[in-house]
Amino acid sequence: MAFQTVTPIRIAQASMTTSYLAIYTCPTDARTYMKDIMVCNGTEGAGTVNINIVPNTQAVGTNNAIYFNYPLAAHTTFQWKGTQILNEGDTIQVKSSLLEKTFTTTATDNCFTTNTTGGTESNVQVTIANHGAATGDGVGFTGAVAVGGITAPQLNTTFTVTVVDDNNFIITTAGTATSVATGGGTGITAVFDYVPLPTITISGAEAV
């Protein structure tokens, strides 16, 4: 068929997820020209992204990837310019890894402070300078030892962050503090998972 009209458009814009997400499908009786891709990571974490152009008859996979496990550093944007053509029913599918950042000694040394305020004895304040987290982000610890009545297994697990300031945040453990204390040892590793995942914006044109 002959394509008579070509219309420049923003083909898609979406937040990535950790599983493949189809963000665009080429319409019936049309052809799409993909001209520009921008991916933005606004967090402190680093990860990888996958971008695939999937023909209508195929499943998403490495055979139709245009970016596969492409590294994306913290607070960066990358841009692609060129031409890729999608035919009727073809899809653009994308995904991201978790965006992570790891802190170790000395940044994490004795980073836990327990409290005995009634009703909040399970809450532990964590002090890690410039942690970069926002309330709702995730963090996991390994290598901590007991402090203030909170046991090592109750510290060495994953939590949701409630931010106090740039250097402090609160986690809610499964334990109950029996004293106010600061500690946890000098072998602690903290791995943050930052959200949101990267956003992707794709521009081009549809021909009908």
Protein backbone atom coordinates (compact mmCIF):
# COMPACT_ATOMS: atom_id res chain seq x y z
CA MET A 1 0.00 0.00 0.00
CA ALA A 2 1.07 3.61 -0.54
CA PHE A 3 1.44 5.83 2.51
CA GLN A 4 0.01 9.27 1.75
CA THR A 5 0.33 11.16 5.05
CA VAL A 6 3.28 11.28 7.46
CA THR A 7 2.56 12.86 10.85
CA PRO A 8 5.35 13.65 13.36
CA ILE A 9 4.33 12.50 16.85
CA ARG A 10 5.63 11.60 20.27
CA ILE A 11 5.27 7.89 19.85
CA ALA A 12 5.41 6.96 23.54
CA GLN A 13 6.40 8.17 26.97
CA ALA A 14 6.36 5.90 30.02
CA SER A 15 8.04 4.88 33.22
CA MET A 16 9.88 1.62 32.81
CA THR A 17 9.15 -1.46 34.91
CA THR A 18 11.28 -4.47 35.81
CA SER A 19 9.46 -6.67 33.30
CA TYR A 20 8.94 -5.97 29.62
CA LEU A 21 6.28 -3.34 28.98
CA ALA A 22 4.80 -2.72 25.52
CA ILE A 23 4.68 1.08 25.28
CA TYR A 24 3.69 1.35 21.62
CA THR A 25 2.00 -0.73 18.91
CA CYS A 26 2.13 0.29 15.26
CA PRO A 27 -1.47 0.89 14.15
CA THR A 28 -3.37 -1.08 11.54
CA ASP A 29 -2.61 -0.03 7.95
CA ALA A 30 0.26 2.20 9.08
CA ARG A 31 4.02 2.37 9.25
CA THR A 32 5.91 4.08 12.08
CA TYR A 33 9.28 5.78 11.81
CA MET A 34 11.13 5.85 15.13
CA LYS A 35 13.59 8.74 15.05
CA ASP A 36 14.57 9.62 18.63
CA ILE A 37 14.82 7.84 21.99
CA MET A 38 15.58 9.52 25.32
CA VAL A 39 15.96 7.60 28.60
CA CYS A 40 16.26 9.53 31.86
CA ASN A 41 17.37 8.24 35.26
CA GLY A 42 16.63 10.82 37.94
CA THR A 43 17.77 8.77 40.92
CA GLU A 44 20.99 8.06 42.84
CA GLY A 45 20.96 4.45 41.65
CA ALA A 46 22.51 2.82 38.61
CA GLY A 47 21.09 -0.01 36.51
CA THR A 48 20.50 -1.29 32.99
CA VAL A 49 17.77 -0.86 30.39
CA ASN A 50 16.48 -2.97 27.53
CA ILE A 51 14.71 -1.54 24.46
CA ASN A 52 13.26 -3.88 21.85
CA ILE A 53 11.45 -3.48 18.53
CA VAL A 54 9.36 -6.64 18.38
CA PRO A 55 7.91 -7.76 15.02
CA ASN A 56 4.24 -8.71 15.12
CA THR A 57 5.00 -12.42 14.79
CA GLN A 58 7.81 -12.59 17.38
CA ALA A 59 8.19 -12.70 21.14
CA VAL A 60 10.37 -10.15 22.89
CA GLY A 61 13.97 -11.36 23.28
CA THR A 62 17.62 -10.71 22.53
CA ASN A 63 17.01 -11.29 18.81
CA ASN A 64 14.97 -8.06 18.55
CA ALA A 65 16.80 -5.88 21.09
CA ILE A 66 18.25 -2.57 20.00
CA TYR A 67 19.62 -1.96 23.52
CA PHE A 68 20.29 -4.98 25.74
CA ASN A 69 21.32 -4.48 29.37
CA TYR A 70 22.54 -1.02 28.45
CA PRO A 71 24.23 0.57 31.51
CA LEU A 72 22.54 3.66 32.93
CA ALA A 73 24.41 5.65 35.57
CA ALA A 74 22.83 7.75 38.31
CA HIS A 75 21.34 11.10 37.27
CA THR A 76 21.98 10.59 33.57
CA THR A 77 20.07 10.82 30.29
CA PHE A 78 21.06 9.04 27.11
CA GLN A 79 19.71 9.77 23.66
CA TRP A 80 19.60 7.79 20.41
CA LYS A 81 18.89 9.35 17.02
CA GLY A 82 18.42 7.48 13.79
CA THR A 83 15.70 5.66 11.88
CA GLN A 84 13.94 2.42 12.73
CA ILE A 85 10.76 1.32 10.95
CA LEU A 86 7.82 -0.47 12.56
CA ASN A 87 5.18 -2.20 10.48
CA GLU A 88 1.57 -2.90 11.41
CA GLY A 89 1.35 -4.74 14.73
CA ASP A 90 5.03 -4.32 15.65
CA THR A 91 5.63 -3.17 19.23
CA ILE A 92 8.22 -1.24 21.19
CA GLN A 93 8.87 -3.03 24.48
CA VAL A 94 11.12 -1.80 27.29
CA LYS A 95 12.27 -2.76 30.76
CA SER A 96 14.73 -1.65 33.43
CA SER A 97 16.65 -3.36 36.17
CA LEU A 98 16.33 -2.07 39.71
CA LEU A 99 18.31 1.14 40.23
CA GLU A 100 20.77 0.37 43.00
CA LYS A 101 23.56 1.94 44.99
CA THR A 102 25.70 0.16 47.55
CA PHE A 103 27.25 1.66 50.68
CA THR A 104 29.88 -0.16 52.74
CA THR A 105 32.38 0.60 55.51
CA THR A 106 33.17 3.28 56.58
CA ALA A 107 29.97 4.96 55.45
CA THR A 108 27.85 2.34 57.19
CA ASP A 109 29.91 1.80 60.35
CA ASN A 110 27.66 1.60 63.43
CA CYS A 111 24.89 3.28 61.46
CA PHE A 112 21.94 2.05 63.59
CA THR A 113 20.46 3.92 66.54
CA THR A 114 17.66 2.29 68.53
CA ASN A 115 15.04 4.05 70.64
CA THR A 116 12.73 3.10 73.51
CA THR A 117 9.94 5.63 72.98
CA GLY A 118 6.67 3.90 73.75
CA GLY A 119 5.02 2.42 70.69
CA THR A 120 8.01 2.99 68.42
CA GLU A 121 10.57 0.59 69.89
CA SER A 122 10.76 -1.28 66.58
CA ASN A 123 11.89 1.84 64.73
CA VAL A 124 15.62 2.24 64.14
CA GLN A 125 17.28 5.37 62.81
CA VAL A 126 19.95 4.75 60.19
CA THR A 127 22.71 7.28 59.57
CA ILE A 128 24.40 7.08 56.15
CA ALA A 129 25.69 10.35 54.75
CA ASN A 130 24.14 11.38 51.43
CA HIS A 131 22.08 8.21 51.17
CA GLY A 132 20.08 9.69 48.27
CA ALA A 133 16.91 7.83 49.20
CA ALA A 134 13.35 9.12 49.23
CA THR A 135 10.53 7.90 51.43
CA GLY A 136 9.23 4.69 49.90
CA ASP A 137 12.55 3.53 48.47
CA GLY A 138 13.91 0.16 49.55
CA VAL A 139 17.08 -0.76 51.41
CA GLY A 140 18.61 -4.07 52.44
CA PHE A 141 21.35 -4.72 54.98
CA THR A 142 23.85 -7.51 55.48
CA GLY A 143 26.69 -7.90 57.95
CA ALA A 144 25.08 -6.06 60.87
CA VAL A 145 25.34 -7.25 64.47
CA ALA A 146 22.78 -6.79 67.22
CA VAL A 147 22.29 -3.38 68.80
CA GLY A 148 20.04 -2.16 71.63
CA GLY A 149 17.99 -5.33 71.73
CA ILE A 150 17.38 -5.51 67.97
CA THR A 151 18.91 -8.78 66.78
CA ALA A 152 21.16 -9.28 63.77
CA PRO A 153 18.49 -11.19 61.77
CA GLN A 154 16.07 -8.34 62.46
CA LEU A 155 18.55 -5.89 60.93
CA ASN A 156 19.91 -8.02 58.08
CA THR A 157 16.86 -7.91 55.86
CA THR A 158 15.02 -5.48 53.58
CA PHE A 159 13.04 -2.40 54.59
CA THR A 160 11.08 0.53 53.24
CA VAL A 161 12.76 3.86 53.91
CA THR A 162 11.19 6.80 55.74
CA VAL A 163 13.49 9.76 55.22
CA VAL A 164 14.47 12.10 58.05
CA ASP A 165 17.04 14.14 56.14
CA ASP A 166 19.87 13.73 53.63
CA ASN A 167 21.90 11.68 56.10
CA ASN A 168 19.28 9.85 58.18
CA PHE A 169 16.23 7.68 57.68
CA ILE A 170 13.99 5.36 59.70
CA ILE A 171 13.38 1.63 59.23
CA THR A 172 10.80 -0.42 61.06
CA THR A 173 12.20 -3.75 62.25
CA ALA A 174 10.51 -6.85 63.59
CA GLY A 175 12.24 -6.34 66.93
CA THR A 176 11.70 -4.33 70.09
CA ALA A 177 14.55 -2.20 71.40
CA THR A 178 15.43 -2.67 75.06
CA SER A 179 17.86 0.27 75.26
CA VAL A 180 18.92 3.36 73.38
CA ALA A 181 22.15 2.47 71.61
CA THR A 182 24.18 3.18 68.49
CA GLY A 183 25.98 0.34 66.78
CA GLY A 184 25.64 -2.52 64.34
CA GLY A 185 29.32 -3.06 63.67
CA THR A 186 31.78 -2.17 60.93
CA GLY A 187 30.94 -4.89 58.41
CA ILE A 188 27.60 -3.54 57.21
CA THR A 189 26.61 -3.40 53.56
CA ALA A 190 23.55 -1.35 52.61
CA VAL A 191 21.99 -1.72 49.15
CA PHE A 192 19.38 0.87 48.16
CA ASP A 193 16.72 0.34 45.48
CA TYR A 194 15.62 3.72 44.19
CA VAL A 195 12.33 4.63 42.52
CA PRO A 196 10.98 5.68 40.14
CA LEU A 197 12.59 3.59 37.43
CA PRO A 198 13.79 5.45 34.31
CA THR A 199 11.40 7.25 31.98
CA ILE A 200 11.59 6.73 28.24
CA THR A 201 10.37 9.12 25.55
CA ILE A 202 10.23 8.09 21.89
CA SER A 203 9.49 10.40 18.97
CA GLY A 204 8.99 9.78 15.27
CA ALA A 205 6.19 9.71 12.73
CA GLU A 206 3.26 7.60 11.64
CA ALA A 207 2.57 7.13 7.94
CA VAL A 208 -0.93 6.14 6.79
